[in-house]
PDB file of N, CA and C in Angstrom:
ATOM      1  N   MET A   1     -76.686 -81.743-172.290  1.00  0.00           N
ATOM      2  CA  MET A   1     -76.565 -83.165-172.492  1.00  0.00           C
ATOM      3  C   MET A   1     -76.242 -83.405-173.754  1.00  0.00           C
ATOM      4  N   VAL A   2     -76.635 -82.445-174.864  1.00  0.00           N
ATOM      5  CA  VAL A   2     -76.146 -82.581-176.222  1.00  0.00           C
ATOM      6  C   VAL A   2     -74.895 -82.512-176.363  1.00  0.00           C
ATOM      7  N   GLN A   3     -74.123 -81.613-175.707  1.00  0.00           N
ATOM      8  CA  GLN A   3     -72.761 -81.416-175.976  1.00  0.00           C
ATOM      9  C   GLN A   3     -72.086 -82.703-175.225  1.00  0.00           C
ATOM     10  N   ILE A   4     -72.369 -83.244-174.345  1.00  0.00           N
ATOM     11  CA  ILE A   4     -72.090 -84.320-173.595  1.00  0.00           C
ATOM     12  C   ILE A   4     -72.159 -85.406-174.603  1.00  0.00           C
ATOM     13  N   ILE A   5     -72.784 -86.129-174.950  1.00  0.00           N
ATOM     14  CA  ILE A   5     -72.990 -86.844-176.322  1.00  0.00           C
ATOM     15  C   ILE A   5     -72.301 -86.730-177.533  1.00  0.00           C
ATOM     16  N   THR A   6     -72.575 -85.217-177.826  1.00  0.00           N
ATOM     17  CA  THR A   6     -71.645 -84.908-179.005  1.00  0.00           C
ATOM     18  C   THR A   6     -70.031 -85.269-178.582  1.00  0.00           C
ATOM     19  N   ILE A   7     -69.700 -85.106-177.582  1.00  0.00           N
ATOM     20  CA  ILE A   7     -68.070 -85.133-177.188  1.00  0.00           C
ATOM     21  C   ILE A   7     -67.863 -86.392-177.286  1.00  0.00           C
ATOM     22  N   GLU A   8     -68.897 -87.424-177.076  1.00  0.00           N
ATOM     23  CA  GLU A   8     -68.705 -88.990-176.525  1.00  0.00           C
ATOM     24  C   GLU A   8     -68.396 -89.244-178.341  1.00  0.00           C
ATOM     25  N   TRP A   9     -69.740 -88.948-179.154  1.00  0.00           N
ATOM     26  CA  TRP A   9     -69.567 -89.212-180.260  1.00  0.00           C
ATOM     27  C   TRP A   9     -68.792 -88.912-181.196  1.00  0.00           C
ATOM     28  N   LYS A  10     -68.060 -87.941-181.016  1.00  0.00           N
ATOM     29  CA  LYS A  10     -66.804 -87.570-181.711  1.00  0.00           C
ATOM     30  C   LYS A  10     -65.890 -88.206-181.461  1.00  0.00           C
ATOM     31  N   ALA A  11     -65.386 -88.504-180.063  1.00  0.00           N
ATOM     32  CA  ALA A  11     -64.303 -89.444-179.704  1.00  0.00           C
ATOM     33  C   ALA A  11     -64.496 -90.694-179.916  1.00  0.00           C
ATOM     34  N   ALA A  12     -65.774 -91.235-180.236  1.00  0.00           N
ATOM     35  CA  ALA A  12     -65.772 -92.389-180.684  1.00  0.00           C
ATOM     36  C   ALA A  12     -65.325 -92.834-182.319  1.00  0.00           C
ATOM     37  N   ALA A  13     -65.786 -91.673-182.857  1.00  0.00           N
ATOM     38  CA  ALA A  13     -65.553 -91.731-184.233  1.00  0.00           C
ATOM     39  C   ALA A  13     -64.098 -91.557-184.347  1.00  0.00           C
ATOM     40  N   GLU A  14     -63.498 -90.595-183.809  1.00  0.00           N
ATOM     41  CA  GLU A  14     -61.935 -90.570-183.988  1.00  0.00           C
ATOM     42  C   GLU A  14     -61.319 -91.499-183.550  1.00  0.00           C
ATOM     43  N   GLY A  15     -61.679 -92.637-182.606  1.00  0.00           N
ATOM     44  CA  GLY A  15     -61.114 -93.493-182.046  1.00  0.00           C
ATOM     45  C   GLY A  15     -61.259 -94.976-182.924  1.00  0.00           C
ATOM     46  N   GLN A  16     -62.136 -94.744-183.814  1.00  0.00           N
ATOM     47  CA  GLN A  16     -62.733 -95.653-184.751  1.00  0.00           C
ATOM     48  C   GLN A  16     -63.470 -96.733-183.767  1.00  0.00           C
ATOM     49  N   ARG A  17     -64.386 -96.558-182.668  1.00  0.00           N
ATOM     50  CA  ARG A  17     -64.788 -97.585-181.933  1.00  0.00           C
ATOM     51  C   ARG A  17     -66.422 -97.193-181.740  1.00  0.00           C
ATOM     52  N   GLN A  18     -67.183 -97.904-181.049  1.00  0.00           N
ATOM     53  CA  GLN A  18     -68.651 -97.420-180.998  1.00  0.00           C
ATOM     54  C   GLN A  18     -68.611 -96.561-179.913  1.00  0.00           C
ATOM     55  N   PRO A  19     -69.717 -95.478-179.650  1.00  0.00           N
ATOM     56  CA  PRO A  19     -69.778 -94.794-178.552  1.00  0.00           C
ATOM     57  C   PRO A  19     -70.217 -95.748-177.122  1.00  0.00           C
ATOM     58  N   ARG A  20     -69.572 -94.861-175.915  1.00  0.00           N
ATOM     59  CA  ARG A  20     -69.484 -95.849-174.537  1.00  0.00           C
ATOM     60  C   ARG A  20     -70.989 -95.327-174.065  1.00  0.00           C
ATOM     61  N   TRP A  21     -72.126 -95.640-174.621  1.00  0.00           N
ATOM     62  CA  TRP A  21     -73.283 -95.459-174.055  1.00  0.00           C
ATOM     63  C   TRP A  21     -73.497 -95.658-172.583  1.00  0.00           C
ATOM     64  N   PHE A  22     -72.784 -96.550-172.037  1.00  0.00           N
ATOM     65  CA  PHE A  22     -72.972 -96.712-170.762  1.00  0.00           C
ATOM     66  C   PHE A  22     -72.277 -95.941-169.607  1.00  0.00           C
ATOM     67  N   ILE A  23     -71.687 -95.157-169.968  1.00  0.00           N
ATOM     68  CA  ILE A  23     -70.994 -93.608-169.227  1.00  0.00           C
ATOM     69  C   ILE A  23     -71.968 -92.580-168.888  1.00  0.00           C
ATOM     70  N   PHE A  24     -73.253 -92.867-169.504  1.00  0.00           N
ATOM     71  CA  PHE A  24     -74.216 -91.669-169.427  1.00  0.00           C
ATOM     72  C   PHE A  24     -75.217 -92.048-168.106  1.00  0.00           C
ATOM     73  N   THR A  25     -74.423 -92.130-166.855  1.00  0.00           N
ATOM     74  CA  THR A  25     -75.401 -92.522-165.774  1.00  0.00           C
ATOM     75  C   THR A  25     -75.593 -91.031-165.287  1.00  0.00           C
ATOM     76  N   ASP A  26     -76.874 -91.208-164.404  1.00  0.00           N
ATOM     77  CA  ASP A  26     -77.441 -90.007-163.750  1.00  0.00           C
ATOM     78  C   ASP A  26     -75.919 -89.109-162.608  1.00  0.00           C
ATOM     79  N   SER A  27     -75.390 -89.755-162.225  1.00  0.00           N
ATOM     80  CA  SER A  27     -74.074 -89.006-161.578  1.00  0.00           C
ATOM     81  C   SER A  27     -73.486 -88.364-162.807  1.00  0.00           C
ATOM     82  N   TYR A  28     -72.945 -89.406-163.745  1.00  0.00           N
ATOM     83  CA  TYR A  28     -71.988 -88.350-164.678  1.00  0.00           C
ATOM     84  C   TYR A  28     -72.785 -87.246-165.140  1.00  0.00           C
ATOM     85  N   LEU A  29     -73.995 -87.461-165.551  1.00  0.00           N
ATOM     86  CA  LEU A  29     -74.673 -85.962-166.083  1.00  0.00           C
ATOM     87  C   LEU A  29     -74.570 -85.190-165.403  1.00  0.00           C
ATOM     88  N   LYS A  30     -75.220 -85.240-163.961  1.00  0.00           N
ATOM     89  CA  LYS A  30     -75.052 -84.377-162.845  1.00  0.00           C
ATOM     90  C   LYS A  30     -73.962 -83.661-162.800  1.00  0.00           C
ATOM     91  N   ARG A  31     -72.927 -84.524-162.603  1.00  0.00           N
ATOM     92  CA  ARG A  31     -71.093 -83.825-162.086  1.00  0.00           C
ATOM     93  C   ARG A  31     -71.217 -83.154-163.488  1.00  0.00           C
ATOM     94  N   VAL A  32     -71.488 -83.583-164.488  1.00  0.00           N
ATOM     95  CA  VAL A  32     -70.898 -82.472-166.012  1.00  0.00           C
ATOM     96  C   VAL A  32     -71.784 -81.373-166.132  1.00  0.00           C
ATOM     97  N   CYS A  33     -73.170 -81.635-165.663  1.00  0.00           N
ATOM     98  CA  CYS A  33     -73.590 -80.080-165.442  1.00  0.00           C
ATOM     99  C   CYS A  33     -73.462 -79.034-164.517  1.00  0.00           C
ATOM    100  N   ASP A  34     -73.155 -79.655-163.505  1.00  0.00           N
ATOM    101  CA  ASP A  34     -72.792 -79.071-162.014  1.00  0.00           C
ATOM    102  C   ASP A  34     -71.061 -78.422-162.644  1.00  0.00           C
ATOM    103  N   GLN A  35     -70.512 -79.195-163.350  1.00  0.00           N
ATOM    104  CA  GLN A  35     -69.539 -78.737-163.569  1.00  0.00           C
ATOM    105  C   GLN A  35     -69.401 -77.174-164.813  1.00  0.00           C
ATOM    106  N   VAL A  36     -70.472 -77.510-165.497  1.00  0.00           N
ATOM    107  CA  VAL A  36     -70.741 -76.365-166.575  1.00  0.00           C
ATOM    108  C   VAL A  36     -71.336 -75.193-165.787  1.00  0.00           C
ATOM    109  N   VAL A  37     -72.318 -75.536-164.903  1.00  0.00           N
ATOM    110  CA  VAL A  37     -72.759 -74.547-163.936  1.00  0.00           C
ATOM    111  C   VAL A  37     -71.376 -73.352-163.533  1.00  0.00           C
ATOM    112  N   GLN A  38     -70.710 -73.880-162.689  1.00  0.00           N
ATOM    113  CA  GLN A  38     -69.546 -73.436-162.453  1.00  0.00           C
ATOM    114  C   GLN A  38     -68.814 -72.761-163.040  1.00  0.00           C
ATOM    115  N   GLU A  39     -68.552 -73.131-164.393  1.00  0.00           N
ATOM    116  CA  GLU A  39     -67.705 -72.452-165.188  1.00  0.00           C
ATOM    117  C   GLU A  39     -68.380 -71.428-166.188  1.00  0.00           C
ATOM    118  N   ASN A  40     -69.627 -71.387-166.034  1.00  0.00           N
ATOM    119  CA  ASN A  40     -70.584 -70.366-166.655  1.00  0.00           C
ATOM    120  C   ASN A  40     -71.487 -69.964-165.741  1.00  0.00           C
ATOM    121  N   PRO A  41     -71.189 -69.462-164.882  1.00  0.00           N
ATOM    122  CA  PRO A  41     -72.641 -68.978-163.848  1.00  0.00           C
ATOM    123  C   PRO A  41     -73.540 -67.829-164.527  1.00  0.00           C
ATOM    124  N   ARG A  42     -73.241 -67.185-165.628  1.00  0.00           N
ATOM    125  CA  ARG A  42     -74.402 -66.231-165.982  1.00  0.00           C
ATOM    126  C   ARG A  42     -75.148 -67.013-167.313  1.00  0.00           C
ATOM    127  N   TRP A  43     -74.836 -68.378-167.435  1.00  0.00           N
ATOM    128  CA  TRP A  43     -75.571 -69.089-168.554  1.00  0.00           C
ATOM    129  C   TRP A  43     -76.995 -69.308-168.049  1.00  0.00           C
ATOM    130  N   ASN A  44     -77.922 -69.393-168.951  1.00  0.00           N
ATOM    131  CA  ASN A  44     -79.378 -69.518-168.411  1.00  0.00           C
ATOM    132  C   ASN A  44     -79.299 -71.075-167.771  1.00  0.00           C
ATOM    133  N   PRO A  45     -79.932 -70.967-166.500  1.00  0.00           N
ATOM    134  CA  PRO A  45     -80.134 -72.365-165.880  1.00  0.00           C
ATOM    135  C   PRO A  45     -80.726 -73.476-166.563  1.00  0.00           C
ATOM    136  N   ASP A  46     -81.296 -73.310-167.423  1.00  0.00           N
ATOM    137  CA  ASP A  46     -81.852 -74.370-168.640  1.00  0.00           C
ATOM    138  C   ASP A  46     -80.771 -75.226-169.145  1.00  0.00           C
ATOM    139  N   LEU A  47     -79.755 -74.402-169.296  1.00  0.00           N
ATOM    140  CA  LEU A  47     -78.693 -75.073-170.326  1.00  0.00           C
ATOM    141  C   LEU A  47     -77.810 -76.219-169.294  1.00  0.00           C
ATOM    142  N   SER A  48     -78.086 -76.253-168.164  1.00  0.00           N
ATOM    143  CA  SER A  48     -77.597 -77.220-167.309  1.00  0.00           C
ATOM    144  C   SER A  48     -78.282 -77.933-166.766  1.00  0.00           C
ATOM    145  N   MET A  49     -79.630 -78.191-167.058  1.00  0.00           N
ATOM    146  CA  MET A  49     -80.589 -79.087-166.470  1.00  0.00           C
ATOM    147  C   MET A  49     -80.536 -80.191-166.301  1.00  0.00           C
ATOM    148  N   THR A  50     -80.682 -80.953-165.458  1.00  0.00           N
ATOM    149  CA  THR A  50     -80.587 -82.769-165.071  1.00  0.00           C
ATOM    150  C   THR A  50     -81.866 -82.970-165.407  1.00  0.00           C
ATOM    151  N   ASP A  51     -83.085 -82.418-165.325  1.00  0.00           N
ATOM    152  CA  ASP A  51     -84.405 -83.016-164.998  1.00  0.00           C
ATOM    153  C   ASP A  51     -84.972 -82.092-166.559  1.00  0.00           C
ATOM    154  N   LEU A  52     -85.119 -83.105-167.108  1.00  0.00           N
ATOM    155  CA  LEU A  52     -85.657 -82.476-168.390  1.00  0.00           C
ATOM    156  C   LEU A  52     -87.306 -82.900-168.993  1.00  0.00           C
ATOM    157  N   SER A  53     -88.143 -83.126-167.466  1.00  0.00           N
ATOM    158  CA  SER A  53     -89.502 -83.603-167.524  1.00  0.00           C
ATOM    159  C   SER A  53     -90.158 -82.095-167.951  1.00  0.00           C
ATOM    160  N   PRO A  54     -90.132 -80.671-167.603  1.00  0.00           N
ATOM    161  CA  PRO A  54     -90.535 -80.059-167.615  1.00  0.00           C
ATOM    162  C   PRO A  54     -90.848 -79.788-169.245  1.00  0.00           C
ATOM    163  N   TYR A  55     -89.573 -79.813-169.771  1.00  0.00           N
ATOM    164  CA  TYR A  55     -89.856 -79.791-171.567  1.00  0.00           C
ATOM    165  C   TYR A  55     -90.454 -81.262-172.139  1.00  0.00           C
ATOM    166  N   MET A  56     -90.332 -82.224-171.333  1.00  0.00           N
ATOM    167  CA  MET A  56     -91.522 -83.364-171.910  1.00  0.00           C
ATOM    168  C   MET A  56     -92.869 -83.064-171.535  1.00  0.00           C
ATOM    169  N   ALA A  57     -93.248 -82.313-170.366  1.00  0.00           N
ATOM    170  CA  ALA A  57     -94.720 -82.378-170.226  1.00  0.00           C
ATOM    171  C   ALA A  57     -95.684 -81.846-171.263  1.00  0.00           C
ATOM    172  N   GLY A  58     -94.926 -80.837-172.160  1.00  0.00           N
ATOM    173  CA  GLY A  58     -95.915 -80.445-173.097  1.00  0.00           C
ATOM    174  C   GLY A  58     -95.826 -80.881-174.610  1.00  0.00           C
ATOM    175  N   MET A  59     -94.917 -81.871-174.300  1.00  0.00           N
ATOM    176  CA  MET A  59     -94.492 -82.731-175.815  1.00  0.00           C
ATOM    177  C   MET A  59     -95.639 -84.006-176.179  1.00  0.00           C
ATOM    178  N   PRO A  60     -96.207 -83.673-177.189  1.00  0.00           N
ATOM    179  CA  PRO A  60     -97.495 -84.446-177.948  1.00  0.00           C
ATOM    180  C   PRO A  60     -96.475 -86.203-177.749  1.00  0.00           C
ATOM    181  N   LEU A  61     -97.416 -86.848-177.475  1.00  0.00           N
ATOM    182  CA  LEU A  61     -97.012 -88.361-177.463  1.00  0.00           C
ATOM    183  C   LEU A  61     -96.320 -88.986-178.577  1.00  0.00           C
ATOM    184  N   LYS A  62     -96.923 -88.624-179.863  1.00  0.00           N
ATOM    185  CA  LYS A  62     -96.596 -88.799-181.007  1.00  0.00           C
ATOM    186  C   LYS A  62     -95.178 -88.366-181.475  1.00  0.00           C
ATOM    187  N   MET A  63     -94.693 -87.449-180.792  1.00  0.00           N
ATOM    188  CA  MET A  63     -93.245 -86.882-180.935  1.00  0.00           C
ATOM    189  C   MET A  63     -92.069 -87.699-180.170  1.00  0.00           C
ATOM    190  N   GLN A  64     -93.060 -88.337-178.920  1.00  0.00           N
ATOM    191  CA  GLN A  64     -92.077 -88.898-178.019  1.00  0.00           C
ATOM    192  C   GLN A  64     -91.488 -90.572-178.557  1.00  0.00           C
ATOM    193  N   TRP A  65     -90.563 -90.322-179.677  1.00  0.00           N
ATOM    194  CA  TRP A  65     -90.222 -91.610-180.703  1.00  0.00           C
ATOM    195  C   TRP A  65     -89.290 -92.706-179.597  1.00  0.00           C
ATOM    196  N   TRP A  66     -89.014 -92.221-178.417  1.00  0.00           N
ATOM    197  CA  TRP A  66     -87.955 -93.014-177.908  1.00  0.00           C
ATOM    198  C   TRP A  66     -88.452 -94.118-176.919  1.00  0.00           C
ATOM    199  N   LEU A  67     -89.725 -93.879-176.591  1.00  0.00           N
ATOM    200  CA  LEU A  67     -90.721 -94.940-175.681  1.00  0.00           C
ATOM    201  C   LEU A  67     -91.007 -96.110-176.354  1.00  0.00           C
ATOM    202  N   VAL A  68     -90.835 -97.099-175.958  1.00  0.00           N
ATOM    203  CA  VAL A  68     -90.910 -98.327-176.450  1.00  0.00           C
ATOM    204  C   VAL A  68     -92.229 -98.602-176.314  1.00  0.00           C
ATOM    205  N   ASP A  69     -92.710 -98.922-177.479  1.00  0.00           N
ATOM    206  CA  ASP A  69     -94.384 -99.092-177.735  1.00  0.00           C
ATOM    207  C   ASP A  69     -94.563 -97.879-177.679  1.00  0.00           C
ATOM    208  N   GLY A  70     -94.100 -96.991-178.220  1.00  0.00           N
ATOM    209  CA  GLY A  70     -94.724 -95.502-178.206  1.00  0.00           C
ATOM    210  C   GLY A  70     -95.909 -95.293-179.207  1.00  0.00           C
ATOM    211  N   PRO A  71     -95.742 -94.156-180.010  1.00  0.00           N
ATOM    212  CA  PRO A  71     -97.061 -93.964-180.818  1.00  0.00           C
ATOM    213  C   PRO A  71     -97.378 -95.073-181.819  1.00  0.00           C
ATOM    214  N   ALA A  72     -96.458 -95.449-182.504  1.00  0.00           N
ATOM    215  CA  ALA A  72     -96.491 -96.705-183.262  1.00  0.00           C
ATOM    216  C   ALA A  72     -97.177 -97.969-182.909  1.00  0.00           C
ATOM    217  N   GLY A  73     -96.932 -98.281-181.371  1.00  0.00           N
ATOM    218  CA  GLY A  73     -97.513 -99.331-180.807  1.00  0.00           C
ATOM    219  C   GLY A  73     -97.048-100.853-181.172  1.00  0.00           C
ATOM    220  N   ASP A  74     -96.026-100.744-181.940  1.00  0.00           N
ATOM    221  CA  ASP A  74     -95.372-101.895-182.468  1.00  0.00           C
ATOM    222  C   ASP A  74     -94.129-101.933-182.269  1.00  0.00           C
ATOM    223  N   GLY A  75     -93.456-100.996-181.123  1.00  0.00           N
ATOM    224  CA  GLY A  75     -92.160-101.220-180.795  1.00  0.00           C
ATOM    225  C   GLY A  75     -91.201-100.614-181.649  1.00  0.00           C
ATOM    226  N   THR A  76     -91.419 -99.902-182.910  1.00  0.00           N
ATOM    227  CA  THR A  76     -91.057 -99.401-183.723  1.00  0.00           C
ATOM    228  C   THR A  76     -90.588 -97.954-183.297  1.00  0.00           C
ATOM    229  N   PHE A  77     -89.678 -97.316-184.308  1.00  0.00           N
ATOM    230  CA  PHE A  77     -89.411 -95.825-183.545  1.00  0.00           C
ATOM    231  C   PHE A  77     -89.798 -94.788-185.104  1.00  0.00           C
ATOM    232  N   PRO A  78     -90.684 -94.390-185.169  1.00  0.00           N
ATOM    233  CA  PRO A  78     -91.385 -93.975-186.500  1.00  0.00           C
ATOM    234  C   PRO A  78     -90.583 -92.685-186.884  1.00  0.00           C
ATOM    235  N   TYR A  79     -89.823 -91.882-185.555  1.00  0.00           N
ATOM    236  CA  TYR A  79     -89.222 -90.502-185.993  1.00  0.00           C
ATOM    237  C   TYR A  79     -87.654 -90.628-185.933  1.00  0.00           C
ATOM    238  N   PHE A  80     -87.018 -91.729-185.792  1.00  0.00           N
ATOM    239  CA  PHE A  80     -85.698 -92.009-185.779  1.00  0.00           C
ATOM    240  C   PHE A  80     -85.195 -92.441-186.956  1.00  0.00           C
TER     241      PHE A  80
END
């Protein structure tokens, strides 16, 4: 996912435009991850996971800055 976002971010900068965040649908991410698996069958499968919930399960709530009304409780994002 980091690679996918980085590619879009760089393309946006080079094209002097805003990133196209709307392209990051579940189906798009799955298609790209599946392609990565096919091209790199010996990579650790975690590098192409589409379900990141196992990583989030042990993360403290105060680190989940992306949640609306998260840790600060006021709609702000204290870690961003």
